[in-house]
Protein backbone atom coordinates (compact mmCIF):
# COMPACT_ATOMS: atom_id res chain seq x y z
CA MET A 1 83.16 177.62 133.02
CA LYS A 2 84.57 174.37 133.26
CA PHE A 3 81.22 172.69 131.64
CA LEU A 4 80.98 174.93 129.07
CA ALA A 5 84.51 174.18 128.27
CA ASN A 6 83.99 170.58 128.23
CA VAL A 7 80.79 170.53 126.09
CA LEU A 8 82.91 172.78 123.60
CA ALA A 9 85.55 170.45 122.99
CA THR A 10 83.29 167.80 122.84
CA ILE A 11 81.24 169.29 119.72
CA VAL A 12 84.98 170.48 118.40
CA GLY A 13 86.10 166.50 118.73
CA LEU A 14 82.68 165.81 117.18
CA PHE A 15 83.09 168.25 114.26
CA VAL A 16 86.84 166.61 113.57
CA PHE A 17 85.71 163.63 113.38
CA CYS A 18 82.77 163.78 111.29
CA MET A 19 84.80 165.31 108.93
CA ILE A 20 87.94 162.86 109.38
CA PHE A 21 85.10 160.46 108.48
CA PHE A 22 83.69 162.11 105.94
CA PHE A 23 86.87 162.74 103.80
CA GLY A 24 88.14 159.33 104.92
CA LEU A 25 85.37 157.59 103.13
CA ILE A 26 86.05 159.71 99.87
CA PHE A 27 89.38 158.89 99.71
CA LEU A 28 88.29 155.31 99.91
CA ALA A 29 85.92 155.62 97.40
CA ALA A 30 88.36 157.38 95.00
CA ILE A 31 90.74 154.57 95.36
CA PHE A 32 88.50 151.92 95.67
CA GLY A 33 85.51 152.99 93.23
CA GLY A 34 87.02 155.95 91.74
CA GLY A 35 88.16 154.06 89.06
CA SER A 36 86.39 152.80 85.52
CA GLU A 37 84.46 149.46 85.62
CA LYS A 38 85.49 147.18 82.68
CA VAL A 39 82.71 147.39 80.45
CA PRO A 40 82.48 143.15 79.25
CA VAL A 41 82.30 143.33 75.32
CA GLU A 42 79.51 140.83 73.56
CA SER A 43 80.65 138.51 70.91
CA ASN A 44 79.11 140.18 67.77
CA SER A 45 79.89 143.81 68.83
CA VAL A 46 80.47 146.91 67.17
CA ILE A 47 82.93 149.75 68.41
CA VAL A 48 81.46 153.39 68.74
CA LEU A 49 83.88 155.85 68.02
CA ASP A 50 83.07 158.70 69.92
CA LEU A 51 86.29 160.91 69.84
CA SER A 52 84.13 164.33 71.77
CA LYS A 53 86.36 163.72 74.68
CA VAL A 54 90.03 162.95 73.11
CA SER A 55 92.12 165.63 72.83
CA LEU A 56 95.00 164.56 73.86
CA ASP A 57 98.03 162.05 73.09
CA TYR A 58 98.62 160.65 76.39
CA ALA A 59 95.91 160.87 79.06
CA GLY A 60 98.21 160.62 81.92
CA LYS A 61 99.52 159.21 85.28
CA PHE A 62 99.19 161.06 88.60
CA ASN A 63 101.18 160.36 91.51
CA TYR A 64 99.62 161.92 94.35
CA LYS A 65 103.00 161.08 97.19
CA GLU A 66 100.90 162.55 100.27
CA LEU A 67 98.33 159.91 100.27
CA ASP A 68 100.30 157.15 98.59
CA TYR A 69 98.05 157.25 95.74
CA PHE A 70 98.18 156.15 91.83
CA ASP A 71 96.16 157.48 89.77
CA VAL A 72 96.42 156.15 85.59
CA LYS A 73 93.58 158.14 82.94
CA HIS A 74 93.14 155.99 79.52
CA ASP A 75 91.55 158.16 77.29
CA GLY A 76 94.05 159.49 75.23
CA LEU A 77 94.52 159.38 71.49
CA SER A 78 97.44 156.86 72.37
CA ASP A 79 94.96 154.65 74.17
CA VAL A 80 92.17 155.04 71.17
CA VAL A 81 95.03 154.24 68.76
CA LYS A 82 96.01 151.05 70.75
CA ALA A 83 92.31 149.95 70.86
CA ILE A 84 91.89 149.94 67.69
CA GLU A 85 94.68 148.28 66.55
CA THR A 86 93.77 145.28 69.26
CA ALA A 87 89.85 145.69 68.39
CA LYS A 88 91.62 144.27 64.38
CA ASP A 89 92.52 140.73 66.31
CA ASP A 90 89.41 140.54 68.51
CA SER A 91 86.68 138.22 67.12
CA ASP A 92 84.43 139.88 69.28
CA ILE A 93 84.37 143.08 67.24
CA LYS A 94 82.41 142.84 64.20
CA GLY A 95 83.50 146.46 62.83
CA ILE A 96 83.78 150.03 63.82
CA SER A 97 80.87 152.58 63.16
CA ILE A 98 81.66 156.32 63.33
CA LEU A 99 78.29 157.74 64.53
CA ASN A 100 78.16 161.77 64.24
CA ASN A 101 81.76 162.38 65.96
CA ASN A 102 82.42 165.82 66.57
CA SER A 103 86.35 166.17 67.96
CA SER A 104 88.20 168.41 69.27
CA LEU A 105 91.19 166.31 67.49
CA GLY A 106 94.23 168.38 65.40
CA MET A 107 94.76 167.26 61.65
CA ALA A 108 97.85 165.07 62.87
CA GLN A 109 95.94 163.27 65.46
CA ILE A 110 93.11 162.56 63.04
CA LYS A 111 95.51 161.32 59.88
CA ALA A 112 96.91 159.20 63.13
CA VAL A 113 93.24 157.55 63.49
CA ARG A 114 93.01 157.33 59.95
CA ALA A 115 95.87 155.28 59.53
CA ALA A 116 94.45 153.08 62.42
CA LEU A 117 91.19 152.65 60.99
CA GLU A 118 92.64 152.02 57.45
CA ASP A 119 94.97 149.25 59.27
CA PHE A 120 91.69 147.85 60.97
CA LYS A 121 89.82 147.30 57.43
CA LYS A 122 92.53 145.11 56.54
CA SER A 123 90.98 142.44 58.86
CA GLY A 124 88.06 142.10 56.39
CA LYS A 125 85.84 143.82 59.24
CA PHE A 126 83.62 147.52 58.07
CA VAL A 127 83.90 150.98 58.95
CA PHE A 128 81.05 152.86 58.48
CA SER A 129 79.77 155.96 59.10
CA TYR A 130 77.38 158.51 59.79
CA ALA A 131 76.69 162.22 60.25
CA ASN A 132 73.63 164.37 60.71
CA TYR A 133 76.57 167.67 59.11
CA PHE A 134 80.28 167.07 58.12
CA THR A 135 82.41 169.83 58.65
CA GLN A 136 85.80 169.56 56.80
CA LYS A 137 87.81 167.91 59.78
CA GLU A 138 85.44 165.80 60.66
CA TYR A 139 84.81 164.67 56.76
CA TYR A 140 88.12 164.09 56.95
CA LEU A 141 88.31 161.53 59.72
CA ASN A 142 85.15 159.88 58.13
CA SER A 143 86.51 159.31 54.70
CA VAL A 144 88.20 156.37 55.75
CA ALA A 145 85.41 154.41 55.76
CA ASP A 146 83.62 151.67 53.93
CA LYS A 147 80.16 153.22 53.56
CA ILE A 148 79.38 157.03 54.02
CA TYR A 149 76.18 158.03 55.37
CA LEU A 150 74.69 161.91 55.90
CA ASN A 151 71.14 163.01 56.86
CA PRO A 152 68.80 163.89 53.85
CA ILE A 153 68.58 167.16 55.55
CA GLY A 154 71.95 167.88 56.54
CA GLU A 155 74.88 169.86 54.93
CA MET A 156 78.24 168.99 54.09
CA GLU A 157 81.61 171.46 54.27
CA PHE A 158 84.43 170.82 51.87
CA LYS A 159 85.45 174.16 50.57
CA GLY A 160 89.51 174.69 51.59
CA LEU A 161 91.31 176.10 54.25
CA SER A 162 91.81 179.51 55.41
CA SER A 163 93.02 181.72 58.55
CA GLU A 164 91.92 185.04 59.59
CA LEU A 165 94.35 187.33 61.68
CA LEU A 166 93.56 190.39 63.20
CA PHE A 167 95.88 193.38 63.27
CA LEU A 168 95.73 195.66 66.63
CA LYS A 169 97.88 198.67 65.18
CA ASP A 170 95.74 201.61 64.78
CA PHE A 171 93.64 200.34 67.64
CA GLN A 172 96.61 200.73 69.88
CA GLU A 173 97.32 204.16 68.30
CA LYS A 174 93.59 205.45 68.98
CA TYR A 175 93.52 204.10 72.57
CA GLY A 176 97.21 204.26 73.92
CA ILE A 177 97.00 200.44 74.73
CA LYS A 178 100.55 199.69 73.08
CA MET A 179 102.78 195.93 72.80
CA GLU A 180 106.24 196.72 72.76
CA VAL A 181 108.21 194.09 70.48
CA ILE A 182 111.26 192.65 70.00
CA ARG A 183 111.96 189.77 67.90
CA HIS A 184 114.78 188.05 65.75
CA GLY A 185 112.80 186.47 62.55
CA LYS A 186 111.40 187.86 59.97
CA TYR A 187 108.75 185.10 60.26
CA LYS A 188 107.84 185.79 64.05
CA SER A 189 104.40 187.15 62.74
CA ALA A 190 103.03 186.74 66.49
CA VAL A 191 104.44 190.44 66.82
CA GLU A 192 103.55 191.59 63.56
CA PRO A 193 99.40 192.30 64.72
CA PHE A 194 101.01 195.02 67.24
CA LEU A 195 103.57 196.48 64.66
CA GLU A 196 101.36 196.41 60.83
CA ASN A 197 97.64 196.90 59.92
CA LYS A 198 98.43 194.37 57.18
CA MET A 199 100.12 191.25 56.65
CA SER A 200 103.31 191.36 55.78
CA ASP A 201 104.33 189.63 51.94
CA ALA A 202 106.34 186.78 54.53
CA ASN A 203 104.06 186.42 57.01
CA ARG A 204 101.25 186.02 53.64
CA GLU A 205 103.91 183.54 51.83
CA GLN A 206 104.34 181.59 54.93
CA ILE A 207 100.58 181.15 56.46
CA THR A 208 99.30 180.25 52.28
CA SER A 209 102.51 177.66 52.34
CA LEU A 210 101.25 176.20 55.23
CA LEU A 211 97.48 176.07 54.33
CA ASN A 212 98.38 174.58 50.55
CA SER A 213 100.81 171.92 52.13
CA LEU A 214 97.63 171.04 54.75
CA TRP A 215 95.10 170.86 52.41
CA THR A 216 97.15 169.10 49.54
CA THR A 217 97.58 166.14 52.50
CA MET A 218 94.10 165.93 52.98
CA LEU A 219 92.91 165.95 49.89
CA LYS A 220 95.92 163.26 49.12
CA ASP A 221 94.16 160.96 51.93
CA ILE A 222 90.79 161.37 50.87
CA SER A 223 91.64 160.84 47.49
CA LYS A 224 93.02 157.38 48.41
CA SER A 225 89.88 156.55 50.40
CA ARG A 226 86.94 157.39 48.04
CA GLY A 227 88.93 156.93 44.97
CA ILE A 228 88.48 161.00 43.48
CA ALA A 229 91.37 162.49 41.97
CA VAL A 230 92.51 165.35 44.10
CA THR A 231 91.93 167.71 40.98
CA LYS A 232 88.68 166.51 40.98
CA LEU A 233 87.82 167.30 45.10
CA ASN A 234 89.74 170.59 44.02
CA GLN A 235 86.88 171.80 41.77
CA ILE A 236 84.60 170.31 43.66
CA ALA A 237 85.81 172.85 46.81
CA ASP A 238 86.17 175.61 44.39
CA GLN A 239 82.01 175.21 43.33
CA LEU A 240 80.94 173.90 46.63
CA GLY A 241 80.19 171.24 44.74
CA ALA A 242 78.92 169.16 47.88
CA ARG A 243 76.42 171.74 49.67
CA THR A 244 73.67 169.13 49.92
CA PRO A 245 73.67 165.78 50.72
CA GLU A 246 72.60 164.87 47.22
CA MET A 247 75.67 166.73 45.29
CA ALA A 248 77.87 164.93 47.95
CA LYS A 249 76.48 161.96 47.43
CA MET A 250 76.92 162.93 43.23
CA GLN A 251 80.26 163.53 43.79
CA GLY A 252 80.79 160.38 45.41
CA LEU A 253 82.19 162.36 48.86
CA VAL A 254 79.14 160.02 50.51
CA ASP A 255 77.37 157.07 49.56
CA VAL A 256 74.17 156.83 51.23
CA VAL A 257 71.92 159.90 51.70
CA SER A 258 69.08 158.43 54.56
CA TYR A 259 68.37 158.43 58.24
CA GLU A 260 70.41 157.19 61.06
CA ASP A 261 67.59 154.00 61.62
CA VAL A 262 68.66 153.00 57.89
CA TYR A 263 71.97 153.31 58.87
CA HIS A 264 71.49 151.07 61.98
CA GLN A 265 69.55 148.80 59.97
CA GLU A 266 72.61 148.27 57.28
CA ILE A 267 74.86 147.07 60.09
CA LYS A 268 72.23 144.96 61.44
CA LYS A 269 72.32 142.90 58.43
CA ILE A 270 75.95 142.69 58.18
CA LEU A 271 75.59 141.50 61.78
CA ALA A 272 72.88 139.30 61.03
CA VAL A 273 70.63 140.94 63.96
CA LYS A 274 66.75 140.91 63.47
CA ASN A 275 65.45 144.38 62.88
CA LYS A 276 63.55 143.99 66.47
CA ASP A 277 66.66 143.67 68.10
CA GLU A 278 69.38 145.71 69.25
CA TYR A 279 73.19 144.76 68.17
CA HIS A 280 75.93 145.43 71.00
CA THR A 281 77.92 147.78 71.00
CA ILE A 282 81.20 149.30 73.32
CA SER A 283 82.85 152.83 73.08
CA ILE A 284 86.14 153.15 72.25
CA LEU A 285 87.03 154.63 75.34
CA ASP A 286 85.39 151.79 77.05
CA TYR A 287 87.47 149.18 74.82
CA ALA A 288 90.21 151.25 75.77
CA LEU A 289 90.30 150.60 79.44
CA ASN A 290 89.68 147.29 78.80
CA VAL A 291 92.57 146.99 76.59
CA ALA A 292 94.96 148.83 79.01
CA THR A 293 94.23 147.19 81.93
CA SER A 294 94.44 143.75 79.96
CA SER A 295 97.49 142.47 79.24
CA PHE A 296 98.21 141.79 75.74
CA GLU A 297 102.22 143.62 75.71
CA SER A 298 105.03 141.07 75.06
CA SER A 299 106.23 139.68 78.13
CA SER A 300 110.23 141.26 77.17
CA LYS A 301 111.83 142.41 79.64
CA ASN A 302 113.19 144.89 77.06
CA LYS A 303 111.26 148.69 77.06
CA ILE A 304 111.21 151.48 74.68
CA ALA A 305 109.94 154.58 76.85
CA VAL A 306 107.37 156.79 75.27
CA ILE A 307 107.73 160.34 77.07
CA TYR A 308 104.95 162.47 76.16
CA ALA A 309 105.87 166.26 75.85
CA GLN A 310 102.36 167.82 75.23
CA GLY A 311 101.34 171.79 75.43
CA ASP A 312 102.94 175.34 76.35
CA ILE A 313 106.68 175.02 77.50
CA GLY A 314 106.17 176.20 81.03
CA SER A 315 108.35 176.21 84.61
CA GLY A 316 107.39 173.81 87.49
CA GLU A 317 106.18 170.40 87.24
CA GLY A 318 103.93 170.45 84.24
CA ASP A 319 100.79 168.46 83.54
CA VAL A 320 99.24 166.72 80.47
CA ASN A 321 98.56 169.59 78.39
CA VAL A 322 101.52 171.65 80.38
CA ILE A 323 105.33 170.82 79.66
CA GLY A 324 107.21 171.63 82.72
CA GLU A 325 110.78 170.85 83.41
CA GLY A 326 110.07 169.05 86.81
CA SER A 327 108.27 166.47 85.02
CA ILE A 328 109.92 165.56 81.62
CA ARG A 329 113.71 166.06 82.86
CA ARG A 330 112.87 163.59 85.76
CA SER A 331 111.17 160.99 83.24
CA LEU A 332 114.37 161.46 80.49
CA GLN A 333 116.65 160.88 84.06
CA GLN A 334 114.68 157.90 85.08
CA ALA A 335 114.63 156.44 81.86
CA ARG A 336 117.90 156.69 81.08
CA GLU A 337 119.05 155.46 84.66
CA ASN A 338 116.34 151.83 84.07
CA ASP A 339 118.54 149.17 82.46
CA LYS A 340 115.40 147.33 80.92
CA ILE A 341 114.81 150.56 78.80
CA LYS A 342 116.51 150.57 75.68
CA ALA A 343 115.65 153.69 73.68
CA ILE A 344 113.40 156.71 74.17
CA VAL A 345 110.48 158.10 71.56
CA LEU A 346 110.04 162.24 72.83
CA ARG A 347 106.33 162.48 71.40
CA ILE A 348 106.11 166.28 71.17
CA ASP A 349 102.58 168.19 70.28
CA SER A 350 103.54 172.20 72.02
CA PRO A 351 103.79 175.51 70.45
CA GLY A 352 106.81 176.24 72.40
CA GLY A 353 106.84 178.82 75.34
CA SER A 354 109.37 179.37 77.89
CA GLY A 355 113.05 179.53 76.54
CA LEU A 356 114.87 178.38 79.65
CA THR A 357 112.70 175.32 80.05
CA SER A 358 113.41 174.54 76.41
CA ASP A 359 116.87 174.58 76.62
CA LEU A 360 116.65 172.84 80.32
CA ILE A 361 115.12 169.66 78.60
CA TRP A 362 117.40 170.31 75.44
CA ARG A 363 120.14 169.25 78.05
CA GLU A 364 118.79 166.79 79.58
CA ILE A 365 118.22 164.93 76.04
CA GLU A 366 121.89 165.90 75.21
CA ILE A 367 123.18 163.66 78.45
CA THR A 368 120.27 160.93 77.34
CA LYS A 369 121.71 160.62 73.95
CA LYS A 370 125.12 159.24 75.39
CA VAL A 371 123.44 156.29 76.95
CA LYS A 372 120.70 155.60 74.71
CA PRO A 373 118.94 156.66 71.39
CA VAL A 374 116.25 159.30 71.61
CA VAL A 375 113.72 159.18 68.83
CA ALA A 376 111.45 162.55 68.56
CA SER A 377 108.02 161.89 67.28
CA MET A 378 106.20 165.41 66.18
CA GLY A 379 102.18 165.18 66.42
CA ASN A 380 99.64 168.33 65.95
CA ILE A 381 102.78 170.47 66.41
CA ALA A 382 106.14 171.04 67.66
CA ALA A 383 107.17 174.62 66.76
CA SER A 384 109.62 176.75 68.42
CA GLY A 385 110.27 175.93 71.70
CA GLY A 386 108.36 172.38 70.74
CA TYR A 387 111.09 171.98 68.04
CA TYR A 388 113.87 173.33 70.05
CA ILE A 389 113.43 170.09 72.35
CA ALA A 390 112.97 167.59 69.47
CA CYS A 391 116.49 169.20 67.29
CA ASN A 392 119.34 167.24 69.00
CA SER A 393 117.39 163.39 68.48
CA ASN A 394 118.88 161.11 66.84
CA THR A 395 115.96 160.73 64.37
CA ILE A 396 112.93 163.27 64.81
CA PHE A 397 109.75 161.87 62.88
CA ALA A 398 106.64 164.11 61.87
CA GLU A 399 103.14 163.80 59.81
CA ASP A 400 102.74 165.44 57.07
CA ASN A 401 100.24 167.69 58.40
CA THR A 402 102.26 168.14 61.67
CA ILE A 403 103.15 172.22 61.96
CA THR A 404 106.63 172.95 62.95
CA GLY A 405 109.46 174.90 62.68
CA SER A 406 109.15 178.27 63.99
CA ILE A 407 112.82 178.69 64.98
CA GLY A 408 112.81 182.53 66.34
CA VAL A 409 112.78 184.50 69.33
CA PHE A 410 109.94 187.04 70.64
CA GLY A 411 109.41 189.67 73.17
CA LEU A 412 106.22 191.52 74.29
CA LEU A 413 106.26 193.99 76.73
CA PRO A 414 102.37 196.11 77.00
CA ASN A 415 103.15 199.85 77.45
CA PHE A 416 100.06 201.58 79.15
CA SER A 417 101.91 205.12 78.64
CA GLN A 418 99.93 207.05 75.90
CA LEU A 419 96.23 205.91 77.68
CA ALA A 420 98.44 206.55 81.45
CA THR A 421 98.30 210.02 79.79
CA LYS A 422 94.97 210.45 78.47
CA MET A 423 93.60 208.94 81.66
CA GLY A 424 95.58 211.77 83.72
CA ILE A 425 97.61 209.31 85.56
CA ASN A 426 101.41 210.24 86.10
CA ALA A 427 103.74 207.70 87.66
CA GLU A 428 106.74 208.58 89.25
CA GLN A 429 109.81 206.46 90.10
CA ILE A 430 112.94 206.47 92.34
CA THR A 431 115.79 204.14 92.23
CA THR A 432 119.22 203.98 93.65
CA ASN A 433 120.96 203.30 90.64
CA LYS A 434 120.74 204.11 86.80
CA ASN A 435 118.67 200.97 85.76
CA GLY A 436 117.48 200.14 88.87
CA ASN A 437 113.58 200.84 88.01
CA ASP A 438 114.45 199.75 83.87
CA TYR A 439 110.66 198.83 82.83
CA SER A 440 107.04 200.85 83.73
CA ILE A 441 103.56 199.62 81.50
CA PHE A 442 103.36 203.24 82.33
CA LYS A 443 105.96 205.08 80.92
CA PRO A 444 107.58 204.65 77.59
CA LEU A 445 109.99 202.25 76.78
CA SER A 446 113.66 203.34 77.29
CA GLU A 447 115.96 202.84 74.52
CA ASN A 448 118.62 201.61 77.26
CA TYR A 449 116.19 198.68 78.61
CA LYS A 450 114.79 198.40 74.60
CA PHE A 451 118.52 197.74 73.76
CA ILE A 452 119.69 194.96 76.88
CA ALA A 453 116.44 193.28 75.77
CA GLN A 454 117.47 193.14 72.02
CA GLU A 455 120.14 191.46 73.58
CA GLY A 456 118.58 188.80 74.93
CA VAL A 457 116.62 187.70 72.37
CA GLU A 458 119.53 187.86 69.91
CA LYS A 459 121.32 185.57 72.24
CA PHE A 460 119.13 183.04 72.27
CA TYR A 461 118.89 183.13 68.77
CA SER A 462 122.01 182.52 68.16
CA THR A 463 121.78 179.68 70.97
CA PHE A 464 118.79 178.13 69.02
CA LEU A 465 120.96 178.34 65.92
CA ALA A 466 123.75 176.47 67.21
CA ARG A 467 121.16 174.14 69.12
CA VAL A 468 119.69 173.35 65.10
CA ALA A 469 122.53 173.61 63.71
CA ALA A 470 124.35 170.89 65.79
CA GLY A 471 121.33 168.58 65.84
CA ARG A 472 120.39 168.57 61.76
CA LYS A 473 124.18 168.45 60.91
CA MET A 474 123.76 171.93 59.16
CA SER A 475 125.92 175.10 58.93
CA ILE A 476 125.12 177.85 61.09
CA GLN A 477 123.92 179.53 57.72
CA GLN A 478 122.18 176.71 56.85
CA ALA A 479 120.06 176.38 59.90
CA ASP A 480 119.49 180.33 59.61
CA ALA A 481 118.11 179.93 56.06
CA VAL A 482 115.18 177.65 57.15
CA ALA A 483 114.92 179.64 60.70
CA GLN A 484 113.99 183.59 61.20
CA GLY A 485 110.75 182.09 62.83
CA ARG A 486 109.33 180.78 59.74
CA VAL A 487 106.54 177.85 60.66
CA TRP A 488 106.33 174.61 57.98
CA THR A 489 104.45 171.59 57.54
CA GLY A 490 106.22 168.01 58.02
CA SER A 491 106.28 167.42 54.59
CA GLU A 492 107.85 170.61 53.87
CA ALA A 493 110.31 169.94 57.14
CA LEU A 494 111.38 167.17 55.15
CA LYS A 495 112.80 168.54 51.83
CA ILE A 496 114.77 171.17 54.01
CA GLY A 497 116.30 168.65 56.35
CA LEU A 498 114.48 169.73 60.02
CA ILE A 499 113.10 165.86 60.34
CA ASP A 500 114.18 162.66 59.03
CA LYS A 501 111.11 160.93 58.38
CA ILE A 502 106.93 160.97 57.90
CA GLY A 503 105.32 158.55 60.12
CA GLY A 504 103.46 158.60 63.47
CA LEU A 505 104.03 157.17 66.59
CA ASP A 506 104.27 154.08 66.31
CA ALA A 507 106.68 154.25 63.27
CA ALA A 508 108.97 156.61 65.48
CA VAL A 509 108.80 153.72 68.20
CA LEU A 510 109.55 150.52 65.64
CA HIS A 511 112.73 152.58 64.81
CA ALA A 512 113.32 153.63 68.29
CA ALA A 513 113.88 149.99 68.79
CA LYS A 514 116.27 149.44 65.30
CA LEU A 515 118.47 151.82 67.02
CA ALA A 516 118.60 149.72 70.05
CA LYS A 517 118.61 146.55 68.46
CA ILE A 518 115.96 144.63 69.88
CA ASN A 519 113.14 142.97 68.12
CA ASP A 520 111.33 142.07 71.22
CA TYR A 521 110.21 144.55 73.68
CA LYS A 522 107.19 146.49 74.81
CA THR A 523 106.47 150.20 75.82
CA GLN A 524 106.38 152.30 79.25
CA ASN A 525 104.75 155.80 79.03
CA PHE A 526 105.76 158.58 80.75
CA PRO A 527 105.55 161.17 82.74
CA SER A 528 104.19 160.49 85.90
CA TYR A 529 102.80 163.81 87.68
CA GLU A 530 103.24 164.12 91.14
CA LYS A 531 100.49 166.07 92.24
CA ASP A 532 98.99 167.11 96.09
CA PHE A 533 96.20 166.63 98.65
CA GLY A 534 94.72 169.89 97.08
CA ASP A 535 94.44 168.60 93.63
CA PHE A 536 93.47 165.71 94.65
CA LEU A 537 90.61 166.59 96.11
CA GLY A 538 89.55 169.30 93.59
CA ASN A 539 89.68 166.14 91.19
CA LEU A 540 87.07 164.18 93.00
CA GLY A 541 83.65 166.05 91.77
CA VAL A 542 81.97 167.32 95.10
CA PRO A 543 81.31 170.46 93.89
CA PHE A 544 83.13 172.31 97.21
CA MET A 545 86.00 170.78 96.46
CA LYS A 546 86.64 171.37 93.01
CA THR A 547 89.07 173.90 91.93
CA ARG A 548 88.70 177.12 90.87
CA GLU A 549 89.88 176.28 87.05
CA ASN A 550 86.83 173.50 86.86
CA LEU A 551 84.05 175.40 88.58
CA ILE A 552 84.96 178.98 85.53
CA LYS A 553 85.26 176.35 82.97
CA GLU A 554 81.60 174.50 84.37
CA GLU A 555 80.32 178.22 84.09
CA LEU A 556 81.86 179.93 81.48
CA GLY A 557 81.72 176.30 79.09
CA GLU A 558 84.72 175.01 77.51
CA GLU A 559 85.43 177.31 74.89
CA ASN A 560 85.51 180.26 77.24
CA TYR A 561 87.81 179.06 79.42
CA LYS A 562 90.60 178.21 76.58
CA ILE A 563 90.25 182.28 75.94
CA ILE A 564 90.73 182.59 79.40
CA GLU A 565 93.39 180.10 79.81
CA GLN A 566 95.49 181.60 76.65
CA ILE A 567 95.49 185.46 78.40
CA LYS A 568 96.46 183.68 81.61
CA ARG A 569 99.67 181.99 79.16
CA ILE A 570 100.14 185.51 77.99
CA GLN A 571 100.67 186.79 81.55
CA SER A 572 102.57 184.28 83.26
CA ARG A 573 105.19 184.34 80.67
CA THR A 574 108.70 185.70 82.01
CA GLY A 575 112.12 185.42 80.22
CA VAL A 576 112.91 184.57 76.08
CA GLN A 577 109.75 183.08 74.71
CA ALA A 578 110.49 180.53 71.69
CA SER A 579 106.72 179.84 70.97
CA LEU A 580 104.45 179.88 68.15
CA PRO A 581 104.38 182.82 66.06
CA PHE A 582 100.59 183.36 66.08
CA GLU A 583 97.68 181.16 67.50
CA LEU A 584 96.80 179.64 63.91
CA VAL A 585 92.80 178.60 64.11
CA ILE A 586 92.15 176.77 60.32
CA HIS A 587 88.41 176.58 59.39
């Protein structure tokens, strides 16, 4: 028996040793070999602007405290924009090629890239574009190019914007699956599909206004780049006058109809490279990594903190795509207490979410404002809770095509009582007090509970209005007039006083420096997200160490995974929600 015990102990010991050795190697590889290496920039090079892997403004910093390991990503849109700005003065870079780009960027993000490319062209360097197929969104980006190529058998989409909403009232009545609605704000149309079988006049008004404003911004930018009048562009869209490559060229939307090899030959001519030779290229993300890991910034001790708040607003620590009170409040506190940081820019890209978390962040900004200026910079969207955390900033910036506002509150309670009856299911409750079991999905919503829930919504809406009125120096009545859950674009929001200035992140940083009365400074990005050992293993790429989310994403694909994530977000919502009134998909 003793011999067997010794053998067993030896086997266990060897197993433990092998596991420690294996994980140790992985850990060392992750630290010393996991980071991307710099790609050398050859002279006479062209940057290839492929944005297919870029979706977030901020790629993130991650602190694995248990391992004493810090990881910084450099593939966010802010890194891309900074790379383009650096390339303008880089003698090794001769131009930028936008080659068959297909991104998931939002409209305001595309506008930021366009602005960086416009500034890049001032150096005299070229920006060329080639595509096999242009969607409207991709053409909006590519239209900034000096010369635009389109495949001879490709297509061009230029037809105006549209959006589609599904209404579920009749479906609910037919199948007995009902969503009980509690709201304040006549424009809070997230709940409208559960109440009606067609669009209300108020909802139609706001979506029409929103689409027209976004389309106008697109046309103005395209008009400036292509030298085509806005009225003419609208005629082209109405007549589908650019639906073929030849028609697109005839209308002046593209310059050359040819295959990709002709496109590359043209670039070779500019670079004085022989046809038989390849010209030097570097991807935008490789170049962005080079820029991020090189010392180009000012040596000034003065700093401006840029705190990125992106994604749905929820509870807990948060992540690059979830705004949690943990990471955002900690970032505000760190920036507030750091004497070298003279001002703060809160970069927001969020449709809102938890009302409680929104208020906690609002409070942290209130405290911070007393110490140093806080400027809000709105990206693609800063609506509902996203506007809540911006409204008390010293100054608010947004792009023309930012989606903002949506100052309103709603709640959705699923109710299956009719379905349960049809299926022969009966639920019985036992409780010690009158309101002990206030809500069940299997019982009709009681009037008493509905009253209490509505009371909570009204209270939060009143608080929201008071925050907006105080931050924007309005009366409650003035704030209510532009609230009611209505969504606005940045250009509309400027007219009604919900924002102060039109401009991107760079403009917001410059303004923050002005408020802080500093001329020489550098920026420091926040947050740093605190992670655990499980997160570390899940990101290593080893199949059995991948997180459940990564495995599902690989099996179902990115788009299907987004649908699952949306359902999970809805299921996880607790408390009053200050969220965008609808899932807006613009075609």
